[in-house]
Amino acid sequence: MKITEALFAGSSTRISEKPKQKFPEFAFIGRSNVGKSSLINMLCNNKKLAMTSAKPGKTRLVNHFLINRKWYLVDLPGYGYAKMSATAKQKLEQVIRNYLNLSQEMTMLFVLIDSRHDIGKIDMDFLIELGQSRIPFAIIFTKADKSGKEKLAAQIENNKKQILEYWEELPPVFISSSETGLGREEILDYIGTVLESVEQENQHPQI
């Protein structure tokens, strides 16, 4: 799938403030500073679409981008940012949970994890919570250009084993680099495939 148009459609902190036009939503989330905004900009081939910052915890709102006038790419706030007051952290968690649990249009959640490290407790707890809530998710391992090929392959393999300690089978897994464009086609093709199945379901709803 090719992205020919990406338009900012609005920011919100609760479901009632989402864009009124309904389309399937593909949301992106991860720990602060995992490279989420850079990945979104890489996918859309637009360096200025999502705000990138060296300072973690910059995204505090749910941001909707309308893609090809057919679906939304949703930029969610990062989680697990330590340098934040308990009240601010609670508010942010509320914004995230409100979206994840109540957005009927959310089709798939992409959870971004740094490819250089083992999956930490915060990430794993979040993945387990998604499983318990039956929220469909895929994993994108980011910053793949920061490691050599062998080291990267070994770390990804290790991370897959970590996931399989809790799940019988792996969710869809992608490896990406915002610097080199690695993973762009695979992620977009996967979104395209999911969109096709959603369209087919809408055309032939189960009775």
N, C-alpha and C. Protein backbone atom coordinates (compact mmCIF):
# COMPACT_ATOMS: atom_id res chain seq x y z
N MET A 1 0.84 -1.19 0.00
CA MET A 1 0.00 0.00 0.00
C MET A 1 0.88 1.25 0.00
N LYS A 2 0.46 2.25 -0.75
CA LYS A 2 1.18 3.52 -0.79
C LYS A 2 0.36 4.61 -0.09
N ILE A 3 1.03 5.46 0.66
CA ILE A 3 0.36 6.61 1.27
C ILE A 3 0.54 7.79 0.33
N THR A 4 -0.57 8.28 -0.21
CA THR A 4 -0.52 9.41 -1.13
C THR A 4 -0.92 10.71 -0.46
N GLU A 5 -1.60 10.59 0.69
CA GLU A 5 -2.05 11.80 1.40
C GLU A 5 -2.15 11.51 2.90
N ALA A 6 -1.60 12.39 3.71
CA ALA A 6 -1.70 12.27 5.17
C ALA A 6 -2.04 13.64 5.74
N LEU A 7 -3.23 13.74 6.30
CA LEU A 7 -3.71 15.03 6.81
C LEU A 7 -3.96 14.95 8.31
N PHE A 8 -3.51 15.96 9.04
CA PHE A 8 -3.80 16.03 10.48
C PHE A 8 -5.31 16.25 10.63
N ALA A 9 -5.97 15.39 11.43
CA ALA A 9 -7.43 15.45 11.53
C ALA A 9 -7.92 15.90 12.91
N GLY A 10 -7.00 16.06 13.87
CA GLY A 10 -7.43 16.56 15.18
C GLY A 10 -6.78 15.85 16.35
N SER A 11 -6.78 16.53 17.50
CA SER A 11 -6.26 15.98 18.75
C SER A 11 -7.40 15.84 19.75
N SER A 12 -7.26 14.88 20.66
CA SER A 12 -8.32 14.67 21.64
C SER A 12 -7.75 14.06 22.91
N THR A 13 -8.52 14.15 23.99
CA THR A 13 -8.17 13.46 25.24
C THR A 13 -9.26 12.47 25.61
N ARG A 14 -10.40 12.55 24.92
CA ARG A 14 -11.47 11.58 25.17
C ARG A 14 -12.19 11.22 23.87
N ILE A 15 -12.86 10.09 23.90
CA ILE A 15 -13.50 9.53 22.70
C ILE A 15 -14.47 10.51 22.04
N SER A 16 -15.20 11.26 22.84
CA SER A 16 -16.22 12.17 22.29
C SER A 16 -15.60 13.28 21.44
N GLU A 17 -14.28 13.50 21.58
CA GLU A 17 -13.61 14.56 20.83
C GLU A 17 -12.94 14.06 19.55
N LYS A 18 -13.06 12.76 19.28
CA LYS A 18 -12.44 12.20 18.07
C LYS A 18 -13.04 12.84 16.81
N PRO A 19 -12.33 12.75 15.66
CA PRO A 19 -12.91 13.26 14.41
C PRO A 19 -14.26 12.61 14.14
N LYS A 20 -15.19 13.42 13.66
CA LYS A 20 -16.58 12.93 13.48
C LYS A 20 -16.67 11.91 12.34
N GLN A 21 -15.81 12.08 11.32
CA GLN A 21 -15.81 11.14 10.19
C GLN A 21 -15.20 9.82 10.64
N LYS A 22 -15.93 8.72 10.48
CA LYS A 22 -15.48 7.43 10.99
C LYS A 22 -14.76 6.61 9.92
N PHE A 23 -13.55 6.16 10.26
CA PHE A 23 -12.77 5.27 9.40
C PHE A 23 -12.03 4.29 10.32
N PRO A 24 -11.56 3.15 9.78
CA PRO A 24 -10.75 2.24 10.61
C PRO A 24 -9.52 2.98 11.14
N GLU A 25 -9.16 2.67 12.38
CA GLU A 25 -8.04 3.35 13.04
C GLU A 25 -6.91 2.36 13.35
N PHE A 26 -5.70 2.75 12.97
CA PHE A 26 -4.50 1.97 13.29
C PHE A 26 -3.65 2.83 14.21
N ALA A 27 -3.56 2.42 15.47
CA ALA A 27 -2.93 3.25 16.49
C ALA A 27 -1.50 2.79 16.79
N PHE A 28 -0.67 3.75 17.18
CA PHE A 28 0.73 3.49 17.49
C PHE A 28 1.04 3.96 18.91
N ILE A 29 1.68 3.09 19.67
CA ILE A 29 2.00 3.41 21.06
C ILE A 29 3.33 2.78 21.45
N GLY A 30 3.96 3.30 22.47
CA GLY A 30 5.21 2.72 22.96
C GLY A 30 5.72 3.53 24.12
N ARG A 31 6.76 3.03 24.75
CA ARG A 31 7.38 3.78 25.84
C ARG A 31 7.93 5.08 25.29
N SER A 32 8.01 6.09 26.14
CA SER A 32 8.55 7.38 25.72
C SER A 32 9.95 7.21 25.14
N ASN A 33 10.18 7.92 24.05
CA ASN A 33 11.49 7.94 23.38
C ASN A 33 11.82 6.64 22.64
N VAL A 34 10.80 5.87 22.27
CA VAL A 34 11.03 4.62 21.52
C VAL A 34 11.16 4.90 20.01
N GLY A 35 10.88 6.17 19.63
CA GLY A 35 11.00 6.54 18.21
C GLY A 35 9.67 6.51 17.48
N LYS A 36 8.58 6.73 18.22
CA LYS A 36 7.23 6.62 17.64
C LYS A 36 6.96 7.70 16.58
N SER A 37 7.23 8.95 16.93
CA SER A 37 6.95 10.04 15.98
C SER A 37 7.80 9.90 14.72
N SER A 38 9.06 9.50 14.91
CA SER A 38 9.96 9.30 13.75
C SER A 38 9.44 8.19 12.85
N LEU A 39 8.92 7.12 13.46
CA LEU A 39 8.38 6.00 12.69
C LEU A 39 7.14 6.44 11.90
N ILE A 40 6.25 7.19 12.55
CA ILE A 40 5.04 7.68 11.88
C ILE A 40 5.41 8.55 10.70
N ASN A 41 6.37 9.45 10.90
CA ASN A 41 6.82 10.32 9.81
C ASN A 41 7.45 9.52 8.67
N MET A 42 8.18 8.46 9.03
CA MET A 42 8.80 7.60 8.01
C MET A 42 7.72 6.86 7.21
N LEU A 43 6.73 6.32 7.91
CA LEU A 43 5.65 5.59 7.21
C LEU A 43 4.92 6.50 6.24
N CYS A 44 4.70 7.73 6.66
CA CYS A 44 3.93 8.68 5.84
C CYS A 44 4.81 9.47 4.87
N ASN A 45 6.13 9.24 4.95
CA ASN A 45 7.07 9.96 4.10
C ASN A 45 6.94 11.48 4.26
N ASN A 46 6.78 11.89 5.52
CA ASN A 46 6.60 13.31 5.83
C ASN A 46 7.28 13.60 7.17
N LYS A 47 8.45 14.24 7.12
CA LYS A 47 9.25 14.45 8.32
C LYS A 47 8.61 15.39 9.34
N LYS A 48 7.60 16.14 8.90
CA LYS A 48 7.00 17.13 9.80
C LYS A 48 5.59 16.76 10.26
N LEU A 49 5.15 15.53 9.94
CA LEU A 49 3.77 15.15 10.27
C LEU A 49 3.56 15.04 11.78
N ALA A 50 4.29 14.14 12.42
CA ALA A 50 4.20 13.99 13.87
C ALA A 50 5.37 14.72 14.51
N MET A 51 5.12 15.38 15.63
CA MET A 51 6.17 16.13 16.31
C MET A 51 7.19 15.18 16.91
N THR A 52 8.47 15.37 16.53
CA THR A 52 9.53 14.55 17.13
C THR A 52 10.29 15.41 18.12
N SER A 53 10.78 14.75 19.16
CA SER A 53 11.49 15.50 20.20
C SER A 53 12.52 14.60 20.87
N ALA A 54 13.66 15.19 21.23
CA ALA A 54 14.66 14.44 21.99
C ALA A 54 14.21 14.29 23.44
N LYS A 55 13.23 15.10 23.80
CA LYS A 55 12.73 15.07 25.18
C LYS A 55 11.54 14.11 25.26
N PRO A 56 11.65 13.01 26.03
CA PRO A 56 10.55 12.04 26.12
C PRO A 56 9.28 12.65 26.71
N GLY A 57 8.15 12.01 26.43
CA GLY A 57 6.88 12.42 27.03
C GLY A 57 6.25 13.62 26.36
N LYS A 58 6.63 13.89 25.11
CA LYS A 58 6.14 15.10 24.41
C LYS A 58 4.67 14.96 24.00
N THR A 59 4.28 13.76 23.51
CA THR A 59 2.90 13.56 23.08
C THR A 59 2.00 13.37 24.29
N ARG A 60 1.04 14.26 24.49
CA ARG A 60 0.12 14.16 25.63
C ARG A 60 -1.32 13.97 25.17
N LEU A 61 -1.52 14.02 23.85
CA LEU A 61 -2.87 13.93 23.29
C LEU A 61 -2.95 12.74 22.33
N VAL A 62 -4.18 12.35 22.00
CA VAL A 62 -4.41 11.35 20.96
C VAL A 62 -4.53 12.12 19.64
N ASN A 63 -3.59 11.91 18.72
CA ASN A 63 -3.58 12.65 17.46
C ASN A 63 -4.01 11.75 16.30
N HIS A 64 -5.01 12.21 15.56
CA HIS A 64 -5.52 11.47 14.40
C HIS A 64 -4.98 12.08 13.10
N PHE A 65 -4.46 11.21 12.22
CA PHE A 65 -4.04 11.63 10.88
C PHE A 65 -4.86 10.82 9.87
N LEU A 66 -5.53 11.53 8.97
CA LEU A 66 -6.35 10.86 7.96
C LEU A 66 -5.45 10.46 6.77
N ILE A 67 -5.40 9.16 6.49
CA ILE A 67 -4.52 8.63 5.45
C ILE A 67 -5.33 8.21 4.22
N ASN A 68 -4.97 8.80 3.07
CA ASN A 68 -5.61 8.47 1.79
C ASN A 68 -7.15 8.59 1.86
N ARG A 69 -7.62 9.38 2.83
CA ARG A 69 -9.07 9.57 3.06
C ARG A 69 -9.80 8.24 3.26
N LYS A 70 -9.05 7.23 3.79
CA LYS A 70 -9.62 5.88 3.96
C LYS A 70 -9.46 5.34 5.37
N TRP A 71 -8.42 5.76 6.07
CA TRP A 71 -8.17 5.25 7.42
C TRP A 71 -7.39 6.28 8.24
N TYR A 72 -7.44 6.09 9.55
CA TYR A 72 -6.70 6.99 10.44
C TYR A 72 -5.46 6.31 10.99
N LEU A 73 -4.37 7.04 10.99
CA LEU A 73 -3.20 6.65 11.75
C LEU A 73 -3.30 7.43 13.05
N VAL A 74 -3.28 6.74 14.17
CA VAL A 74 -3.50 7.39 15.47
C VAL A 74 -2.22 7.35 16.30
N ASP A 75 -1.74 8.53 16.66
CA ASP A 75 -0.53 8.68 17.46
C ASP A 75 -0.94 8.83 18.93
N LEU A 76 -0.66 7.79 19.73
CA LEU A 76 -1.05 7.80 21.15
C LEU A 76 0.11 8.28 22.02
N PRO A 77 -0.19 8.84 23.20
CA PRO A 77 0.89 9.25 24.11
C PRO A 77 1.75 8.06 24.53
N GLY A 78 3.01 8.32 24.83
CA GLY A 78 3.90 7.27 25.31
C GLY A 78 3.57 6.90 26.75
N TYR A 79 3.96 5.71 27.15
CA TYR A 79 3.72 5.28 28.54
C TYR A 79 5.06 5.00 29.22
N GLY A 80 5.03 4.92 30.55
CA GLY A 80 6.22 4.54 31.30
C GLY A 80 7.26 5.64 31.44
N TYR A 81 6.85 6.90 31.27
CA TYR A 81 7.80 8.00 31.40
C TYR A 81 7.93 8.37 32.87
N ALA A 82 9.13 8.20 33.42
CA ALA A 82 9.34 8.35 34.88
C ALA A 82 9.29 9.80 35.35
N LYS A 83 9.84 10.72 34.53
CA LYS A 83 9.95 12.12 34.99
C LYS A 83 8.65 12.88 34.80
N MET A 84 7.65 12.46 35.54
CA MET A 84 6.32 13.06 35.43
C MET A 84 5.64 12.89 36.78
N SER A 85 4.88 13.88 37.20
CA SER A 85 4.21 13.77 38.50
C SER A 85 3.18 12.64 38.46
N ALA A 86 2.85 12.12 39.62
CA ALA A 86 1.89 11.00 39.71
C ALA A 86 0.55 11.40 39.10
N THR A 87 0.13 12.64 39.34
CA THR A 87 -1.16 13.14 38.80
C THR A 87 -1.11 13.19 37.28
N ALA A 88 -0.02 13.73 36.73
CA ALA A 88 0.12 13.84 35.27
C ALA A 88 0.15 12.45 34.64
N LYS A 89 0.86 11.52 35.30
CA LYS A 89 0.97 10.16 34.79
C LYS A 89 -0.40 9.48 34.77
N GLN A 90 -1.16 9.72 35.84
CA GLN A 90 -2.50 9.13 35.94
C GLN A 90 -3.41 9.67 34.84
N LYS A 91 -3.32 10.97 34.58
CA LYS A 91 -4.13 11.59 33.53
C LYS A 91 -3.79 11.01 32.16
N LEU A 92 -2.49 10.82 31.94
CA LEU A 92 -2.04 10.28 30.66
C LEU A 92 -2.52 8.84 30.48
N GLU A 93 -2.42 8.04 31.53
CA GLU A 93 -2.90 6.65 31.48
C GLU A 93 -4.40 6.60 31.19
N GLN A 94 -5.10 7.58 31.76
CA GLN A 94 -6.56 7.65 31.56
C GLN A 94 -6.88 7.96 30.09
N VAL A 95 -6.10 8.86 29.50
CA VAL A 95 -6.29 9.22 28.08
C VAL A 95 -6.06 7.99 27.20
N ILE A 96 -4.99 7.23 27.50
CA ILE A 96 -4.65 6.03 26.72
C ILE A 96 -5.73 4.97 26.87
N ARG A 97 -6.10 4.68 28.13
CA ARG A 97 -7.10 3.62 28.37
C ARG A 97 -8.47 3.99 27.81
N ASN A 98 -8.82 5.25 27.91
CA ASN A 98 -10.10 5.73 27.37
C ASN A 98 -10.17 5.42 25.88
N TYR A 99 -9.07 5.69 25.17
CA TYR A 99 -9.04 5.43 23.74
C TYR A 99 -9.06 3.92 23.46
N LEU A 100 -8.15 3.17 24.09
CA LEU A 100 -8.01 1.75 23.79
C LEU A 100 -9.27 0.95 24.09
N ASN A 101 -9.93 1.30 25.18
CA ASN A 101 -11.11 0.52 25.60
C ASN A 101 -12.42 0.98 24.96
N LEU A 102 -12.46 2.22 24.49
CA LEU A 102 -13.74 2.76 24.03
C LEU A 102 -13.82 3.09 22.54
N SER A 103 -12.68 3.16 21.85
CA SER A 103 -12.74 3.51 20.43
C SER A 103 -13.20 2.31 19.61
N GLN A 104 -14.41 2.38 19.10
CA GLN A 104 -14.98 1.27 18.33
C GLN A 104 -14.31 1.13 16.97
N GLU A 105 -13.68 2.20 16.51
CA GLU A 105 -13.06 2.16 15.18
C GLU A 105 -11.62 1.63 15.22
N MET A 106 -11.06 1.47 16.43
CA MET A 106 -9.68 1.00 16.50
C MET A 106 -9.58 -0.43 15.99
N THR A 107 -8.82 -0.62 14.93
CA THR A 107 -8.72 -1.90 14.24
C THR A 107 -7.49 -2.68 14.67
N MET A 108 -6.39 -1.97 14.88
CA MET A 108 -5.14 -2.63 15.27
C MET A 108 -4.27 -1.64 16.03
N LEU A 109 -3.62 -2.14 17.08
CA LEU A 109 -2.69 -1.33 17.86
C LEU A 109 -1.27 -1.84 17.59
N PHE A 110 -0.39 -0.94 17.18
CA PHE A 110 1.01 -1.28 17.00
C PHE A 110 1.78 -0.84 18.24
N VAL A 111 2.39 -1.80 18.92
CA VAL A 111 3.18 -1.48 20.12
C VAL A 111 4.64 -1.44 19.72
N LEU A 112 5.28 -0.29 19.95
CA LEU A 112 6.67 -0.11 19.56
C LEU A 112 7.60 -0.45 20.72
N ILE A 113 8.62 -1.25 20.43
CA ILE A 113 9.59 -1.68 21.44
C ILE A 113 10.99 -1.52 20.86
N ASP A 114 11.91 -0.98 21.65
CA ASP A 114 13.29 -0.76 21.22
C ASP A 114 13.97 -2.10 20.95
N SER A 115 14.44 -2.28 19.72
CA SER A 115 15.01 -3.57 19.30
C SER A 115 16.34 -3.90 19.98
N ARG A 116 16.95 -2.93 20.65
CA ARG A 116 18.29 -3.15 21.22
C ARG A 116 18.25 -3.83 22.59
N HIS A 117 17.05 -3.89 23.19
CA HIS A 117 16.98 -4.37 24.58
C HIS A 117 15.98 -5.51 24.74
N ASP A 118 16.10 -6.22 25.87
CA ASP A 118 15.07 -7.19 26.26
C ASP A 118 13.77 -6.43 26.49
N ILE A 119 12.65 -7.13 26.37
CA ILE A 119 11.36 -6.48 26.65
C ILE A 119 11.27 -6.26 28.16
N GLY A 120 11.16 -5.00 28.56
CA GLY A 120 11.13 -4.64 29.98
C GLY A 120 9.79 -4.96 30.61
N LYS A 121 9.75 -4.87 31.94
CA LYS A 121 8.54 -5.20 32.70
C LYS A 121 7.37 -4.29 32.31
N ILE A 122 7.65 -3.00 32.12
CA ILE A 122 6.57 -2.05 31.78
C ILE A 122 5.93 -2.43 30.45
N ASP A 123 6.77 -2.76 29.46
CA ASP A 123 6.25 -3.17 28.14
C ASP A 123 5.49 -4.48 28.25
N MET A 124 6.06 -5.45 28.96
CA MET A 124 5.42 -6.77 29.05
C MET A 124 4.09 -6.68 29.80
N ASP A 125 4.07 -5.90 30.87
CA ASP A 125 2.81 -5.70 31.61
C ASP A 125 1.74 -5.09 30.70
N PHE A 126 2.18 -4.15 29.85
CA PHE A 126 1.25 -3.50 28.92
C PHE A 126 0.72 -4.51 27.90
N LEU A 127 1.61 -5.34 27.36
CA LEU A 127 1.19 -6.37 26.39
C LEU A 127 0.22 -7.36 27.02
N ILE A 128 0.51 -7.77 28.26
CA ILE A 128 -0.37 -8.71 28.96
C ILE A 128 -1.74 -8.09 29.18
N GLU A 129 -1.75 -6.81 29.53
CA GLU A 129 -3.03 -6.10 29.72
C GLU A 129 -3.84 -6.06 28.42
N LEU A 130 -3.14 -5.85 27.30
CA LEU A 130 -3.82 -5.85 25.99
C LEU A 130 -4.45 -7.22 25.73
N GLY A 131 -3.70 -8.28 26.04
CA GLY A 131 -4.20 -9.64 25.84
C GLY A 131 -5.43 -9.90 26.69
N GLN A 132 -5.38 -9.45 27.94
CA GLN A 132 -6.52 -9.66 28.84
C GLN A 132 -7.74 -8.88 28.37
N SER A 133 -7.49 -7.71 27.77
CA SER A 133 -8.61 -6.88 27.28
C SER A 133 -9.04 -7.26 25.86
N ARG A 134 -8.34 -8.26 25.28
CA ARG A 134 -8.61 -8.72 23.91
C ARG A 134 -8.51 -7.60 22.88
N ILE A 135 -7.50 -6.77 23.07
CA ILE A 135 -7.22 -5.70 22.11
C ILE A 135 -6.22 -6.23 21.08
N PRO A 136 -6.58 -6.24 19.79
CA PRO A 136 -5.67 -6.78 18.77
C PRO A 136 -4.42 -5.90 18.64
N PHE A 137 -3.25 -6.54 18.68
CA PHE A 137 -2.02 -5.75 18.58
C PHE A 137 -0.97 -6.46 17.77
N ALA A 138 -0.05 -5.65 17.24
CA ALA A 138 1.15 -6.13 16.55
C ALA A 138 2.33 -5.43 17.22
N ILE A 139 3.52 -5.98 17.04
CA ILE A 139 4.72 -5.38 17.65
C ILE A 139 5.66 -4.88 16.57
N ILE A 140 6.17 -3.67 16.78
CA ILE A 140 7.21 -3.14 15.89
C ILE A 140 8.46 -2.91 16.73
N PHE A 141 9.52 -3.64 16.37
CA PHE A 141 10.81 -3.40 17.02
C PHE A 141 11.52 -2.27 16.29
N THR A 142 11.76 -1.16 17.00
CA THR A 142 12.30 0.06 16.38
C THR A 142 13.83 0.14 16.50
N LYS A 143 14.38 1.15 15.82
CA LYS A 143 15.81 1.49 15.90
C LYS A 143 16.73 0.32 15.49
N ALA A 144 16.30 -0.42 14.47
CA ALA A 144 17.06 -1.59 14.03
C ALA A 144 18.43 -1.21 13.46
N ASP A 145 18.59 0.03 13.01
CA ASP A 145 19.87 0.46 12.44
C ASP A 145 20.95 0.67 13.50
N LYS A 146 20.55 0.67 14.77
CA LYS A 146 21.51 0.94 15.86
C LYS A 146 22.32 -0.30 16.25
N SER A 147 21.94 -1.48 15.74
CA SER A 147 22.67 -2.72 16.06
C SER A 147 23.17 -3.38 14.79
N GLY A 148 24.23 -4.19 14.93
CA GLY A 148 24.70 -4.99 13.80
C GLY A 148 23.69 -6.09 13.50
N LYS A 149 23.77 -6.69 12.31
CA LYS A 149 22.78 -7.69 11.88
C LYS A 149 22.68 -8.88 12.84
N GLU A 150 23.82 -9.43 13.22
CA GLU A 150 23.81 -10.62 14.09
C GLU A 150 23.26 -10.30 15.47
N LYS A 151 23.70 -9.17 16.01
CA LYS A 151 23.24 -8.76 17.34
C LYS A 151 21.73 -8.49 17.33
N LEU A 152 21.27 -7.82 16.27
CA LEU A 152 19.85 -7.52 16.13
C LEU A 152 19.04 -8.81 16.04
N ALA A 153 19.48 -9.74 15.19
CA ALA A 153 18.76 -11.01 15.01
C ALA A 153 18.67 -11.78 16.33
N ALA A 154 19.77 -11.81 17.08
CA ALA A 154 19.79 -12.53 18.35
C ALA A 154 18.85 -11.88 19.37
N GLN A 155 18.83 -10.52 19.39
CA GLN A 155 17.97 -9.81 20.34
C GLN A 155 16.49 -10.00 20.00
N ILE A 156 16.16 -9.95 18.71
CA ILE A 156 14.77 -10.15 18.28
C ILE A 156 14.32 -11.56 18.64
N GLU A 157 15.19 -12.54 18.41
CA GLU A 157 14.87 -13.93 18.74
C GLU A 157 14.62 -14.08 20.24
N ASN A 158 15.44 -13.45 21.02
CA ASN A 158 15.30 -13.48 22.48
C ASN A 158 13.97 -12.85 22.90
N ASN A 159 13.63 -11.72 22.26
CA ASN A 159 12.38 -11.02 22.59
C ASN A 159 11.15 -11.84 22.21
N LYS A 160 11.25 -12.56 21.10
CA LYS A 160 10.14 -13.44 20.68
C LYS A 160 9.92 -14.55 21.72
N LYS A 161 11.05 -15.09 22.23
CA LYS A 161 10.95 -16.13 23.27
C LYS A 161 10.28 -15.58 24.52
N GLN A 162 10.60 -14.33 24.87
CA GLN A 162 9.97 -13.68 26.02
C GLN A 162 8.45 -13.62 25.85
N ILE A 163 8.03 -13.24 24.64
CA ILE A 163 6.59 -13.12 24.35
C ILE A 163 5.91 -14.48 24.44
N LEU A 164 6.60 -15.52 23.93
CA LEU A 164 6.02 -16.86 23.91
C LEU A 164 5.92 -17.50 25.30
N GLU A 165 6.50 -16.85 26.29
CA GLU A 165 6.31 -17.32 27.68
C GLU A 165 4.88 -17.03 28.14
N TYR A 166 4.23 -16.06 27.48
CA TYR A 166 2.88 -15.65 27.87
C TYR A 166 1.82 -15.98 26.82
N TRP A 167 2.24 -16.13 25.57
CA TRP A 167 1.29 -16.39 24.48
C TRP A 167 1.62 -17.70 23.78
N GLU A 168 0.60 -18.36 23.27
CA GLU A 168 0.83 -19.61 22.53
C GLU A 168 1.43 -19.36 21.16
N GLU A 169 1.09 -18.22 20.58
CA GLU A 169 1.67 -17.86 19.29
C GLU A 169 2.01 -16.38 19.27
N LEU A 170 2.95 -16.03 18.41
CA LEU A 170 3.39 -14.63 18.33
C LEU A 170 2.35 -13.76 17.64
N PRO A 171 2.22 -12.51 18.09
CA PRO A 171 1.42 -11.56 17.31
C PRO A 171 2.23 -11.18 16.06
N PRO A 172 1.66 -10.45 15.11
CA PRO A 172 2.47 -10.00 13.98
C PRO A 172 3.66 -9.18 14.49
N VAL A 173 4.85 -9.44 13.97
CA VAL A 173 6.07 -8.76 14.42
C VAL A 173 6.76 -8.10 13.23
N PHE A 174 7.16 -6.83 13.41
CA PHE A 174 7.87 -6.09 12.36
C PHE A 174 9.15 -5.50 12.94
N ILE A 175 10.15 -5.36 12.07
CA ILE A 175 11.42 -4.74 12.48
C ILE A 175 11.58 -3.48 11.64
N SER A 176 11.88 -2.35 12.32
CA SER A 176 11.88 -1.08 11.59
C SER A 176 13.08 -0.20 11.94
N SER A 177 13.35 0.72 11.03
CA SER A 177 14.31 1.79 11.27
C SER A 177 13.81 3.04 10.58
N SER A 178 13.62 4.09 11.35
CA SER A 178 13.16 5.36 10.77
C SER A 178 14.26 5.99 9.93
N GLU A 179 15.52 5.64 10.24
CA GLU A 179 16.67 6.20 9.52
C GLU A 179 16.80 5.61 8.12
N THR A 180 16.62 4.30 8.00
CA THR A 180 16.84 3.62 6.71
C THR A 180 15.55 3.31 5.96
N GLY A 181 14.39 3.42 6.65
CA GLY A 181 13.12 3.07 6.01
C GLY A 181 12.79 1.59 6.12
N LEU A 182 13.64 0.84 6.83
CA LEU A 182 13.40 -0.60 7.01
C LEU A 182 12.03 -0.83 7.66
N GLY A 183 11.27 -1.78 7.10
CA GLY A 183 9.97 -2.15 7.66
C GLY A 183 8.79 -1.36 7.12
N ARG A 184 9.08 -0.28 6.40
CA ARG A 184 8.00 0.59 5.91
C ARG A 184 7.00 -0.17 5.04
N GLU A 185 7.51 -0.84 4.02
CA GLU A 185 6.63 -1.56 3.09
C GLU A 185 5.86 -2.66 3.80
N GLU A 186 6.55 -3.41 4.67
CA GLU A 186 5.90 -4.53 5.36
C GLU A 186 4.76 -4.05 6.26
N ILE A 187 4.99 -2.96 6.99
CA ILE A 187 3.96 -2.44 7.90
C ILE A 187 2.77 -1.91 7.11
N LEU A 188 3.06 -1.15 6.04
CA LEU A 188 1.97 -0.58 5.24
C LEU A 188 1.20 -1.67 4.49
N ASP A 189 1.91 -2.69 4.00
CA ASP A 189 1.23 -3.80 3.31
C ASP A 189 0.32 -4.55 4.30
N TYR A 190 0.79 -4.70 5.52
CA TYR A 190 -0.01 -5.38 6.55
C TYR A 190 -1.28 -4.57 6.85
N ILE A 191 -1.13 -3.25 6.98
CA ILE A 191 -2.30 -2.39 7.21
C ILE A 191 -3.26 -2.53 6.03
N GLY A 192 -2.71 -2.55 4.80
CA GLY A 192 -3.55 -2.70 3.60
C GLY A 192 -4.33 -4.00 3.61
N THR A 193 -3.68 -5.09 4.04
CA THR A 193 -4.35 -6.39 4.12
C THR A 193 -5.47 -6.37 5.14
N VAL A 194 -5.20 -5.78 6.30
CA VAL A 194 -6.23 -5.69 7.35
C VAL A 194 -7.40 -4.84 6.86
N LEU A 195 -7.09 -3.75 6.18
CA LEU A 195 -8.15 -2.87 5.64
C LEU A 195 -9.05 -3.62 4.66
N GLU A 196 -8.43 -4.43 3.80
CA GLU A 196 -9.20 -5.23 2.83
C GLU A 196 -10.17 -6.17 3.54
N SER A 197 -9.69 -6.81 4.61
CA SER A 197 -10.56 -7.75 5.33
C SER A 197 -11.68 -7.02 6.05
N VAL A 198 -11.40 -5.81 6.53
CA VAL A 198 -12.44 -4.99 7.19
C VAL A 198 -13.51 -4.61 6.16
N GLU A 199 -13.06 -4.20 4.96
CA GLU A 199 -14.00 -3.82 3.90
C GLU A 199 -14.88 -5.00 3.49
N GLN A 200 -14.27 -6.19 3.41
CA GLN A 200 -15.03 -7.40 3.05
C GLN A 200 -16.07 -7.74 4.12
N GLU A 201 -15.67 -7.58 5.38
CA GLU A 201 -16.62 -7.83 6.48
C GLU A 201 -17.79 -6.87 6.43
N ASN A 202 -17.49 -5.60 6.10
CA ASN A 202 -18.54 -4.58 6.03
C ASN A 202 -19.50 -4.87 4.86
N GLN A 203 -18.95 -5.43 3.78
CA GLN A 203 -19.79 -5.75 2.61
C GLN A 203 -20.62 -7.00 2.84
N HIS A 204 -20.07 -7.92 3.62
CA HIS A 204 -20.78 -9.17 3.91
C HIS A 204 -20.86 -9.41 5.41
N PRO A 205 -21.65 -8.57 6.12
CA PRO A 205 -21.74 -8.72 7.56
C PRO A 205 -22.33 -10.06 7.96
N GLN A 206 -21.83 -10.61 9.07
CA GLN A 206 -22.35 -11.89 9.55
C GLN A 206 -23.73 -11.69 10.15
N ILE A 207 -24.62 -12.59 9.81
CA ILE A 207 -26.01 -12.47 10.29
C ILE A 207 -26.12 -13.19 11.64
